[in-house]
Amino acid sequence: GIGYSQNGEGWLAQDFGGDDAYAPLIIANEALSTAERQVNLYLYDRPGGDTFTVLQPALSMQLSEDACFNQAAVQPYQPRPSLTLSAGEGWKRVYARTRDAYGRSLTVDDSIYLGSLPVGQLLGEEHFSSVRPSVTLYDLDPQGRSHIQLSLGWLGDAFKTGKNNPLPQINDLAALNGKAVQLPHSRNDGSDPNMAWVWTTSFYPQQPMVAYFRLKINQPFEGEVARLSVIAGTFQSGEVVLRGSDFPSANTYIEVPLSFTFTPDPNNPFLIFKVRRTSSAELSVDTVTIFTAPQRFSGSPFLWQVPGGAYRGQCVWVRFSAFDGSQFTPLREALVSQKDGCLWPSSLTVLADSSSTPPLLSALVLPSYLTGNGWTVEENLPWLQAGRAGERVELRLLTNGLGVGEYNGEVIIRPDERAYPPLRLTVRLIMAERLFPAYLPVVRR
């Protein structure tokens, strides 16, 4: 805000807000336009910390004008990269996707006009940063389950001793971020070496959630191995007992779900995940991932009303399960809509001959969240038929009568909101005189 006061002398004060966790991408020092296709970028990094809801510092990045990042190379994170804009005068939007050590992503964008900005042209709402109350997820496969669980990459991993000293981490390639803690721990601070916990006071209250403890033991074991519990404000889960038989094999991580609802009050402000080793087997603790409670899966695409009402480009993790949370699937990252629509993939190449029938082809359509899921397919090629099939555009190649050579075409996916540009899927068909199968030798190692 900005304010003015006068008491003998006048002074003017302005307060600026900070947004470390979701800092934006900057093109050409916030210039509105540029005459050069080569532009310098500034990509802020996150400061990190042990919060449950904020991503850690970036390790890798991708840069592209394509919201699906087709053909965008994964490169080490750097704050001041450069990018060559696509040819042609007009508005260019650049997307940057960074990932932290857990593989969690954050996508940000910025726009610039290539050429001379027309006098009086106003910036539309789509050119500004925004917060959305919901996000649409695409290409979801429930694998026979009826319910879905969702997460913005929420996790707790900064495990501490009973005296709140950080526990040392060991390298473990099977852990989500390549590191884990071991019990008994070697931190000589007078605390119980068989206990570890991770906690916060900042999480979504009054929301049914599920915590997934990820851990393993180093040897086969009979009997009780560990006890897990959640204290969530006034909510207490009670202890869940793990036995050696719960681990299919040694040195293999399992995930154990515990349901909870964070109900803090002034006397109980903490959300605590606790692990206690109760055997002689060595226990490795990776992390605790947090998901919403199971809700009915209505099909893909799926609209999720984000807790807190603020979606800002974070990755969305999904799991599928039965109604009671059993039979849960491993976590995976869902595809989400951005300001621009995009295709995955954006081009298709097929090799065929006259004696074979090319397979049915398809590409996933991720429309802009500004336009909704209404779109139609247009094509006008004698050797190609295209149509909509749910979230995808399906293509059938009609190769009868085609001679040897290369055929190129384009399929147009046009949003129902005609004010927004169409998406274009390029198709390349190579007709050969004859195709010969090749059989590679089996190599035993």
Protein backbone atom coordinates (compact mmCIF):
# COMPACT_ATOMS: atom_id res chain seq x y z
CA GLY A 1 0.00 0.00 0.00
CA ILE A 2 0.94 3.65 -0.16
CA GLY A 3 0.28 6.42 2.35
CA TYR A 4 1.00 10.07 3.13
CA SER A 5 1.19 11.93 6.44
CA GLN A 6 1.95 15.54 7.34
CA ASN A 7 2.94 16.75 10.80
CA GLY A 8 5.07 19.80 10.35
CA GLU A 9 6.87 17.94 7.57
CA GLY A 10 5.35 15.64 4.97
CA TRP A 11 6.53 12.14 4.14
CA LEU A 12 5.49 9.44 1.73
CA ALA A 13 5.75 5.70 2.43
CA GLN A 14 5.17 2.72 0.19
CA ASP A 15 5.23 -0.93 1.26
CA PHE A 16 6.34 -3.66 -1.13
CA GLY A 17 5.33 -7.28 -0.69
CA GLY A 18 7.60 -10.29 -1.08
CA ASP A 19 6.74 -13.62 -2.68
CA ASP A 20 9.82 -15.80 -2.37
CA ALA A 21 8.05 -19.11 -2.92
CA TYR A 22 6.39 -18.14 -6.23
CA ALA A 23 8.69 -15.50 -7.69
CA PRO A 24 8.10 -14.83 -11.40
CA LEU A 25 10.04 -15.15 -14.63
CA ILE A 26 11.32 -11.82 -16.01
CA ILE A 27 12.00 -11.18 -19.72
CA ALA A 28 14.36 -8.37 -20.75
CA ASN A 29 14.11 -6.54 -17.43
CA GLU A 30 10.31 -6.26 -17.70
CA ALA A 31 10.39 -4.54 -21.10
CA LEU A 32 7.04 -4.53 -22.90
CA SER A 33 8.62 -5.10 -26.30
CA THR A 34 11.88 -6.05 -27.97
CA ALA A 35 13.30 -5.74 -31.47
CA GLU A 36 15.60 -8.74 -30.99
CA ARG A 37 14.61 -12.40 -30.92
CA GLN A 38 17.43 -13.19 -28.48
CA VAL A 39 16.27 -12.12 -25.01
CA ASN A 40 17.77 -12.35 -21.55
CA LEU A 41 15.70 -13.90 -18.78
CA TYR A 42 15.80 -13.73 -15.02
CA LEU A 43 14.44 -16.77 -13.22
CA TYR A 44 14.19 -16.39 -9.47
CA ASP A 45 14.93 -19.36 -7.26
CA ARG A 46 13.17 -20.40 -4.08
CA PRO A 47 14.97 -19.98 -0.75
CA GLY A 48 13.99 -23.43 0.53
CA GLY A 49 13.35 -24.30 4.15
CA ASP A 50 11.58 -27.10 5.99
CA THR A 51 7.98 -26.04 5.34
CA PHE A 52 5.50 -28.68 4.18
CA THR A 53 3.95 -26.68 1.33
CA VAL A 54 6.85 -24.85 -0.37
CA LEU A 55 9.22 -26.33 -2.94
CA GLN A 56 12.94 -26.53 -2.29
CA PRO A 57 15.60 -24.72 -4.40
CA ALA A 58 15.59 -25.55 -8.11
CA LEU A 59 18.05 -28.05 -9.52
CA SER A 60 16.90 -28.16 -13.16
CA MET A 61 14.85 -26.07 -15.57
CA GLN A 62 13.16 -26.08 -18.97
CA LEU A 63 12.43 -23.01 -21.10
CA SER A 64 9.92 -22.90 -23.94
CA GLU A 65 7.16 -20.97 -25.67
CA ASP A 66 5.28 -24.29 -25.71
CA ALA A 67 3.20 -24.77 -22.57
CA CYS A 68 3.71 -28.56 -22.91
CA PHE A 69 7.50 -28.12 -23.18
CA ASN A 70 7.71 -30.30 -26.30
CA GLN A 71 11.37 -30.72 -27.29
CA ALA A 72 12.46 -28.44 -24.41
CA ALA A 73 15.80 -29.67 -23.06
CA VAL A 74 16.24 -30.23 -19.34
CA GLN A 75 19.23 -28.19 -18.20
CA PRO A 76 20.81 -27.28 -14.87
CA TYR A 77 19.12 -24.36 -13.17
CA GLN A 78 20.71 -20.96 -13.69
CA PRO A 79 19.14 -17.62 -12.76
CA ARG A 80 20.12 -15.68 -15.90
CA PRO A 81 19.57 -17.80 -19.02
CA SER A 82 18.80 -16.52 -22.51
CA LEU A 83 16.27 -17.68 -25.10
CA THR A 84 15.65 -17.16 -28.80
CA LEU A 85 12.02 -16.23 -29.43
CA SER A 86 10.09 -17.74 -32.32
CA ALA A 87 10.02 -15.72 -35.54
CA GLY A 88 7.17 -13.38 -36.38
CA GLU A 89 5.97 -10.13 -34.85
CA GLY A 90 3.53 -10.33 -31.96
CA TRP A 91 3.15 -11.33 -28.33
CA LYS A 92 5.45 -14.12 -27.15
CA ARG A 93 4.88 -15.97 -23.90
CA VAL A 94 7.82 -17.84 -22.38
CA TYR A 95 7.31 -20.63 -19.85
CA ALA A 96 9.91 -21.77 -17.34
CA ARG A 97 9.53 -25.03 -15.43
CA THR A 98 11.91 -25.76 -12.57
CA ARG A 99 12.25 -28.90 -10.46
CA ASP A 100 13.65 -29.44 -6.98
CA ALA A 101 15.45 -32.47 -5.53
CA TYR A 102 12.12 -34.31 -5.06
CA GLY A 103 11.16 -33.83 -8.72
CA ARG A 104 8.43 -31.34 -7.82
CA SER A 105 7.90 -28.69 -10.48
CA LEU A 106 6.83 -25.06 -10.57
CA THR A 107 5.83 -23.39 -13.86
CA VAL A 108 5.96 -19.60 -14.28
CA ASP A 109 5.67 -17.40 -17.36
CA ASP A 110 6.15 -13.90 -18.74
CA SER A 111 5.23 -12.18 -22.01
CA ILE A 112 6.91 -9.70 -24.35
CA TYR A 113 6.00 -8.20 -27.72
CA LEU A 114 8.45 -8.97 -30.54
CA GLY A 115 8.53 -5.93 -32.82
CA SER A 116 7.11 -2.44 -32.37
CA LEU A 117 4.29 -2.49 -29.86
CA PRO A 118 1.22 -0.91 -31.52
CA VAL A 119 0.28 2.43 -29.97
CA GLY A 120 -2.61 2.14 -27.55
CA GLN A 121 -2.63 -1.67 -27.41
CA LEU A 122 -3.76 -2.76 -23.96
CA LEU A 123 -2.45 -5.75 -22.09
CA GLY A 124 -5.11 -8.38 -21.54
CA GLU A 125 -5.69 -10.26 -18.31
CA GLU A 126 -3.83 -13.24 -19.74
CA HIS A 127 -0.57 -11.24 -19.66
CA PHE A 128 -0.57 -10.83 -15.88
CA SER A 129 0.30 -13.18 -13.05
CA SER A 130 -2.75 -14.72 -11.47
CA VAL A 131 -3.92 -17.05 -8.75
CA ARG A 132 -6.53 -19.67 -9.59
CA PRO A 133 -8.91 -21.34 -7.14
CA SER A 134 -8.84 -24.56 -9.17
CA VAL A 135 -6.75 -26.49 -11.67
CA THR A 136 -7.75 -28.96 -14.39
CA LEU A 137 -5.84 -32.25 -14.65
CA TYR A 138 -5.53 -34.30 -17.84
CA ASP A 139 -4.57 -37.79 -19.05
CA LEU A 140 -5.53 -39.49 -15.79
CA ASP A 141 -5.63 -43.30 -15.64
CA PRO A 142 -7.30 -44.59 -12.45
CA GLN A 143 -5.97 -48.13 -13.02
CA GLY A 144 -9.29 -49.63 -11.99
CA ARG A 145 -9.67 -47.55 -8.82
CA SER A 146 -12.73 -45.48 -8.01
CA HIS A 147 -11.22 -42.59 -6.02
CA ILE A 148 -8.50 -39.99 -6.45
CA GLN A 149 -6.13 -38.30 -3.98
CA LEU A 150 -4.28 -35.08 -4.78
CA SER A 151 -1.33 -33.06 -3.53
CA LEU A 152 0.61 -29.92 -4.47
CA GLY A 153 3.80 -31.78 -3.66
CA TRP A 154 3.20 -31.51 0.09
CA LEU A 155 5.72 -33.39 2.20
CA GLY A 156 7.64 -33.38 5.46
CA ASP A 157 11.28 -34.40 5.31
CA ALA A 158 13.28 -32.28 7.78
CA PHE A 159 13.33 -34.95 10.48
CA LYS A 160 14.61 -33.96 13.90
CA THR A 161 15.55 -35.60 17.17
CA GLY A 162 13.31 -35.41 20.20
CA LYS A 163 15.25 -32.27 21.16
CA ASN A 164 14.58 -30.68 17.73
CA ASN A 165 18.10 -30.96 16.38
CA PRO A 166 18.28 -31.84 12.65
CA LEU A 167 19.04 -35.48 12.00
CA PRO A 168 21.99 -36.30 9.73
CA GLN A 169 20.99 -37.64 6.31
CA ILE A 170 22.63 -40.46 4.38
CA ASN A 171 22.78 -40.86 0.62
CA ASP A 172 20.12 -43.24 -0.66
CA LEU A 173 19.37 -43.43 -4.37
CA ALA A 174 15.99 -45.05 -3.67
CA ALA A 175 14.80 -42.06 -1.60
CA LEU A 176 12.68 -39.36 -3.26
CA ASN A 177 15.43 -36.75 -3.02
CA GLY A 178 18.34 -39.19 -2.79
CA LYS A 179 18.68 -38.82 1.00
CA ALA A 180 17.17 -40.47 4.08
CA VAL A 181 17.62 -40.63 7.85
CA GLN A 182 18.40 -43.78 9.80
CA LEU A 183 17.23 -45.04 13.16
CA PRO A 184 18.94 -45.47 15.49
CA HIS A 185 20.42 -42.05 14.80
CA SER A 186 23.90 -40.94 15.80
CA ARG A 187 23.05 -37.43 17.04
CA ASN A 188 24.41 -37.36 20.60
CA ASP A 189 22.09 -34.77 22.11
CA GLY A 190 20.63 -36.91 24.88
CA SER A 191 17.45 -37.69 22.92
CA ASP A 192 16.00 -41.13 22.18
CA PRO A 193 18.11 -42.49 19.26
CA ASN A 194 15.15 -44.60 18.10
CA MET A 195 12.72 -41.69 17.56
CA ALA A 196 12.42 -39.09 14.79
CA TRP A 197 9.76 -36.55 14.02
CA VAL A 198 9.00 -33.81 11.53
CA TRP A 199 6.54 -31.04 12.30
CA THR A 200 5.05 -27.72 11.26
CA THR A 201 2.51 -25.20 12.47
CA SER A 202 1.52 -24.07 8.96
CA PHE A 203 -0.74 -26.40 7.03
CA TYR A 204 -4.33 -26.51 5.78
CA PRO A 205 -6.67 -26.81 8.78
CA GLN A 206 -9.96 -28.69 8.85
CA GLN A 207 -9.12 -30.60 5.65
CA PRO A 208 -9.24 -34.43 5.70
CA MET A 209 -5.80 -35.64 4.57
CA VAL A 210 -3.68 -38.78 4.32
CA ALA A 211 0.00 -38.94 5.31
CA TYR A 212 2.13 -41.57 3.56
CA PHE A 213 5.17 -42.61 5.61
CA ARG A 214 7.91 -43.97 3.33
CA LEU A 215 10.41 -46.27 5.07
CA LYS A 216 12.36 -49.54 4.88
CA ILE A 217 14.33 -51.98 7.05
CA ASN A 218 17.79 -53.34 6.32
CA GLN A 219 17.11 -57.04 7.03
CA PRO A 220 14.29 -59.57 7.26
CA PHE A 221 12.75 -59.46 10.72
CA GLU A 222 10.13 -61.30 12.75
CA GLY A 223 7.79 -59.34 14.98
CA GLU A 224 7.31 -55.63 15.61
CA VAL A 225 9.64 -53.20 13.80
CA ALA A 226 8.31 -49.66 14.24
CA ARG A 227 5.41 -47.48 15.35
CA LEU A 228 4.01 -44.49 13.45
CA SER A 229 1.70 -41.74 14.63
CA VAL A 230 0.22 -38.36 13.69
CA ILE A 231 -0.57 -35.52 16.07
CA ALA A 232 -2.53 -32.83 14.21
CA GLY A 233 -3.57 -30.13 16.65
CA THR A 234 -6.25 -31.68 18.83
CA PHE A 235 -6.36 -34.76 16.57
CA GLN A 236 -4.32 -37.83 17.49
CA SER A 237 -4.15 -40.90 15.29
CA GLY A 238 -2.89 -43.37 17.83
CA GLU A 239 0.09 -45.57 16.99
CA VAL A 240 0.20 -47.82 13.93
CA VAL A 241 2.37 -50.88 14.53
CA LEU A 242 4.56 -52.16 11.69
CA ARG A 243 5.87 -55.72 11.68
CA GLY A 244 8.61 -57.33 9.67
CA SER A 245 5.97 -59.10 7.57
CA ASP A 246 4.73 -55.68 6.35
CA PHE A 247 7.99 -55.30 4.41
CA PRO A 248 8.02 -57.59 1.34
CA SER A 249 11.82 -57.55 1.24
CA ALA A 250 14.77 -55.92 2.95
CA ASN A 251 16.03 -52.55 1.70
CA THR A 252 12.83 -51.89 -0.26
CA TYR A 253 10.71 -48.86 0.64
CA ILE A 254 7.06 -49.25 1.52
CA GLU A 255 4.45 -46.52 2.06
CA VAL A 256 2.13 -46.60 5.04
CA PRO A 257 -0.96 -44.32 5.00
CA LEU A 258 -2.38 -42.60 8.10
CA SER A 259 -5.48 -40.42 7.85
CA PHE A 260 -5.69 -37.15 9.77
CA THR A 261 -7.38 -33.75 9.93
CA PHE A 262 -5.30 -30.83 11.18
CA THR A 263 -7.37 -29.15 13.91
CA PRO A 264 -5.09 -26.61 15.60
CA ASP A 265 -5.99 -24.43 18.55
CA PRO A 266 -3.88 -22.05 20.70
CA ASN A 267 -2.80 -24.89 22.97
CA ASN A 268 -2.20 -27.45 20.19
CA PRO A 269 -0.74 -25.66 17.13
CA PHE A 270 1.48 -28.48 15.83
CA LEU A 271 1.16 -31.00 13.00
CA ILE A 272 3.60 -33.79 13.91
CA PHE A 273 4.58 -36.98 12.09
CA LYS A 274 6.46 -39.33 14.39
CA VAL A 275 8.44 -42.52 13.71
CA ARG A 276 9.68 -44.79 16.51
CA ARG A 277 11.93 -47.81 15.95
CA THR A 278 11.06 -50.74 18.22
CA SER A 279 13.40 -53.52 17.05
CA SER A 280 17.05 -54.25 16.36
CA ALA A 281 16.53 -53.86 12.60
CA GLU A 282 17.94 -50.65 11.16
CA LEU A 283 15.12 -48.38 9.95
CA SER A 284 15.52 -45.89 7.08
CA VAL A 285 12.98 -43.06 6.89
CA ASP A 286 12.68 -41.25 3.57
CA THR A 287 9.83 -38.75 3.80
CA VAL A 288 6.14 -38.25 4.57
CA THR A 289 4.06 -37.22 1.55
CA ILE A 290 0.63 -35.69 2.16
CA PHE A 291 -2.48 -36.08 -0.02
CA THR A 292 -6.13 -35.16 0.22
CA ALA A 293 -8.50 -37.83 1.48
CA PRO A 294 -9.96 -40.07 -1.27
CA GLN A 295 -12.70 -38.45 -3.33
CA ARG A 296 -14.80 -39.94 -6.12
CA PHE A 297 -13.01 -39.86 -9.47
CA SER A 298 -15.42 -38.54 -12.09
CA GLY A 299 -13.15 -39.06 -15.08
CA SER A 300 -10.46 -37.21 -16.98
CA PRO A 301 -10.14 -34.24 -17.28
CA PHE A 302 -10.65 -33.63 -13.57
CA LEU A 303 -11.27 -30.23 -11.97
CA TRP A 304 -9.70 -29.85 -8.52
CA GLN A 305 -10.66 -27.07 -6.13
CA VAL A 306 -7.30 -26.45 -4.47
CA PRO A 307 -7.19 -26.17 -0.65
CA GLY A 308 -6.69 -22.53 0.26
CA GLY A 309 -8.04 -21.47 -3.15
CA ALA A 310 -4.63 -20.53 -4.54
CA TYR A 311 -3.13 -22.56 -7.38
CA ARG A 312 0.04 -20.91 -8.69
CA GLY A 313 1.70 -23.25 -11.16
CA GLN A 314 2.81 -25.98 -8.76
CA CYS A 315 2.98 -29.59 -9.85
CA VAL A 316 0.00 -31.74 -8.90
CA TRP A 317 0.68 -35.23 -7.58
CA VAL A 318 -2.08 -37.82 -7.89
CA ARG A 319 -2.78 -41.24 -6.44
CA PHE A 320 -5.75 -43.48 -7.10
CA SER A 321 -7.29 -45.78 -4.51
CA ALA A 322 -10.41 -47.59 -3.40
CA PHE A 323 -13.03 -45.57 -1.51
CA ASP A 324 -11.40 -46.40 1.83
CA GLY A 325 -7.88 -45.49 0.70
CA SER A 326 -6.73 -49.07 0.20
CA GLN A 327 -5.11 -50.35 -3.01
CA PHE A 328 -3.47 -46.96 -3.51
CA THR A 329 -1.20 -46.39 -6.50
CA PRO A 330 2.26 -44.80 -6.44
CA LEU A 331 2.29 -41.03 -6.78
CA ARG A 332 2.69 -39.51 -10.23
CA GLU A 333 2.63 -35.98 -11.61
CA ALA A 334 -0.49 -34.99 -13.53
CA LEU A 335 -0.60 -32.86 -16.66
CA VAL A 336 -2.22 -29.47 -15.99
CA SER A 337 -3.52 -26.62 -18.14
CA GLN A 338 -1.57 -23.37 -18.57
CA LYS A 339 -2.44 -19.94 -20.01
CA ASP A 340 -1.78 -21.25 -23.53
CA GLY A 341 -3.20 -24.46 -24.87
CA CYS A 342 -0.77 -27.09 -26.11
CA LEU A 343 -0.52 -30.57 -27.61
CA TRP A 344 1.37 -33.59 -26.35
CA PRO A 345 3.06 -34.40 -28.66
CA SER A 346 2.87 -31.43 -31.03
CA SER A 347 4.02 -33.38 -34.11
CA LEU A 348 3.70 -36.96 -35.38
CA THR A 349 5.85 -38.87 -37.89
CA VAL A 350 4.78 -42.22 -39.37
CA LEU A 351 6.61 -44.65 -41.64
CA ALA A 352 4.33 -46.90 -43.74
CA ASP A 353 4.08 -48.93 -46.95
CA SER A 354 1.17 -49.92 -49.17
CA SER A 355 0.86 -53.43 -47.70
CA SER A 356 0.40 -52.38 -44.06
CA THR A 357 -2.24 -50.41 -42.18
CA PRO A 358 -0.77 -47.59 -40.09
CA PRO A 359 -1.78 -47.61 -36.43
CA LEU A 360 -4.36 -45.21 -35.03
CA LEU A 361 -2.52 -42.09 -33.84
CA SER A 362 -3.45 -39.60 -31.14
CA ALA A 363 -2.24 -36.51 -29.33
CA LEU A 364 -3.37 -35.19 -25.96
CA VAL A 365 -5.02 -31.75 -26.05
CA LEU A 366 -4.42 -29.47 -23.07
CA PRO A 367 -6.56 -26.40 -23.75
CA SER A 368 -5.86 -23.06 -22.11
CA TYR A 369 -7.56 -22.73 -18.74
CA LEU A 370 -8.92 -19.44 -20.10
CA THR A 371 -10.95 -21.23 -22.80
CA GLY A 372 -12.29 -24.35 -21.09
CA ASN A 373 -12.51 -27.85 -22.56
CA GLY A 374 -14.62 -26.97 -25.60
CA TRP A 375 -12.76 -27.51 -28.89
CA THR A 376 -13.25 -28.96 -32.36
CA VAL A 377 -10.98 -30.61 -34.93
CA GLU A 378 -10.46 -29.41 -38.50
CA GLU A 379 -8.55 -31.09 -41.34
CA ASN A 380 -8.79 -31.06 -45.12
CA LEU A 381 -6.43 -33.75 -46.40
CA PRO A 382 -7.44 -36.74 -48.57
CA TRP A 383 -5.00 -39.08 -46.77
CA LEU A 384 -5.97 -38.13 -43.22
CA GLN A 385 -9.06 -38.40 -41.04
CA ALA A 386 -9.09 -36.67 -37.65
CA GLY A 387 -11.64 -36.32 -34.89
CA ARG A 388 -12.05 -35.75 -31.19
CA ALA A 389 -11.97 -38.69 -28.77
CA GLY A 390 -12.36 -37.38 -25.22
CA GLU A 391 -9.22 -35.46 -24.27
CA ARG A 392 -7.42 -36.50 -27.44
CA VAL A 393 -7.45 -35.85 -31.14
CA GLU A 394 -7.31 -39.16 -33.01
CA LEU A 395 -5.89 -39.57 -36.50
CA ARG A 396 -6.37 -42.31 -39.04
CA LEU A 397 -4.04 -42.37 -42.06
CA LEU A 398 -5.57 -43.44 -45.39
CA THR A 399 -2.58 -44.78 -47.30
CA ASN A 400 -4.36 -46.70 -50.08
CA GLY A 401 -3.33 -45.32 -53.44
CA LEU A 402 -0.50 -43.20 -52.09
CA GLY A 403 2.80 -43.46 -53.93
CA VAL A 404 6.28 -43.61 -52.45
CA GLY A 405 7.27 -40.27 -50.98
CA GLU A 406 6.74 -37.86 -48.11
CA TYR A 407 3.40 -36.28 -47.23
CA ASN A 408 3.00 -33.42 -44.79
CA GLY A 409 -0.17 -32.08 -43.28
CA GLU A 410 -1.67 -30.18 -40.40
CA VAL A 411 -4.63 -30.75 -38.10
CA ILE A 412 -6.19 -27.70 -36.45
CA ILE A 413 -7.68 -27.87 -32.95
CA ARG A 414 -9.86 -24.82 -32.55
CA PRO A 415 -11.16 -23.64 -29.14
CA ASP A 416 -14.86 -22.86 -28.89
CA GLU A 417 -13.74 -19.48 -27.55
CA ARG A 418 -12.77 -18.15 -30.98
CA ALA A 419 -10.90 -15.17 -29.51
CA TYR A 420 -8.06 -17.55 -28.64
CA PRO A 421 -5.65 -18.99 -31.23
CA PRO A 422 -5.99 -22.57 -32.48
CA LEU A 423 -3.51 -25.36 -31.83
CA ARG A 424 -1.77 -26.99 -34.78
CA LEU A 425 -0.70 -30.63 -34.94
CA THR A 426 1.79 -31.35 -37.72
CA VAL A 427 1.71 -34.80 -39.32
CA ARG A 428 4.48 -36.27 -41.45
CA LEU A 429 3.83 -39.49 -43.39
CA ILE A 430 6.71 -41.26 -45.12
CA MET A 431 5.55 -43.88 -47.64
CA ALA A 432 8.18 -46.50 -48.46
CA GLU A 433 8.08 -49.14 -51.17
CA ARG A 434 8.37 -51.85 -48.55
CA LEU A 435 9.09 -52.09 -44.84
CA PHE A 436 11.30 -54.85 -43.48
CA PRO A 437 11.23 -55.91 -39.81
CA ALA A 438 14.56 -55.94 -38.01
CA TYR A 439 15.27 -58.28 -35.10
CA LEU A 440 17.93 -57.23 -32.64
CA PRO A 441 19.98 -59.83 -30.77
CA VAL A 442 19.33 -60.42 -27.08
CA VAL A 443 22.23 -59.34 -24.90
CA ARG A 444 22.67 -61.15 -21.60
CA ARG A 445 24.66 -59.36 -18.92
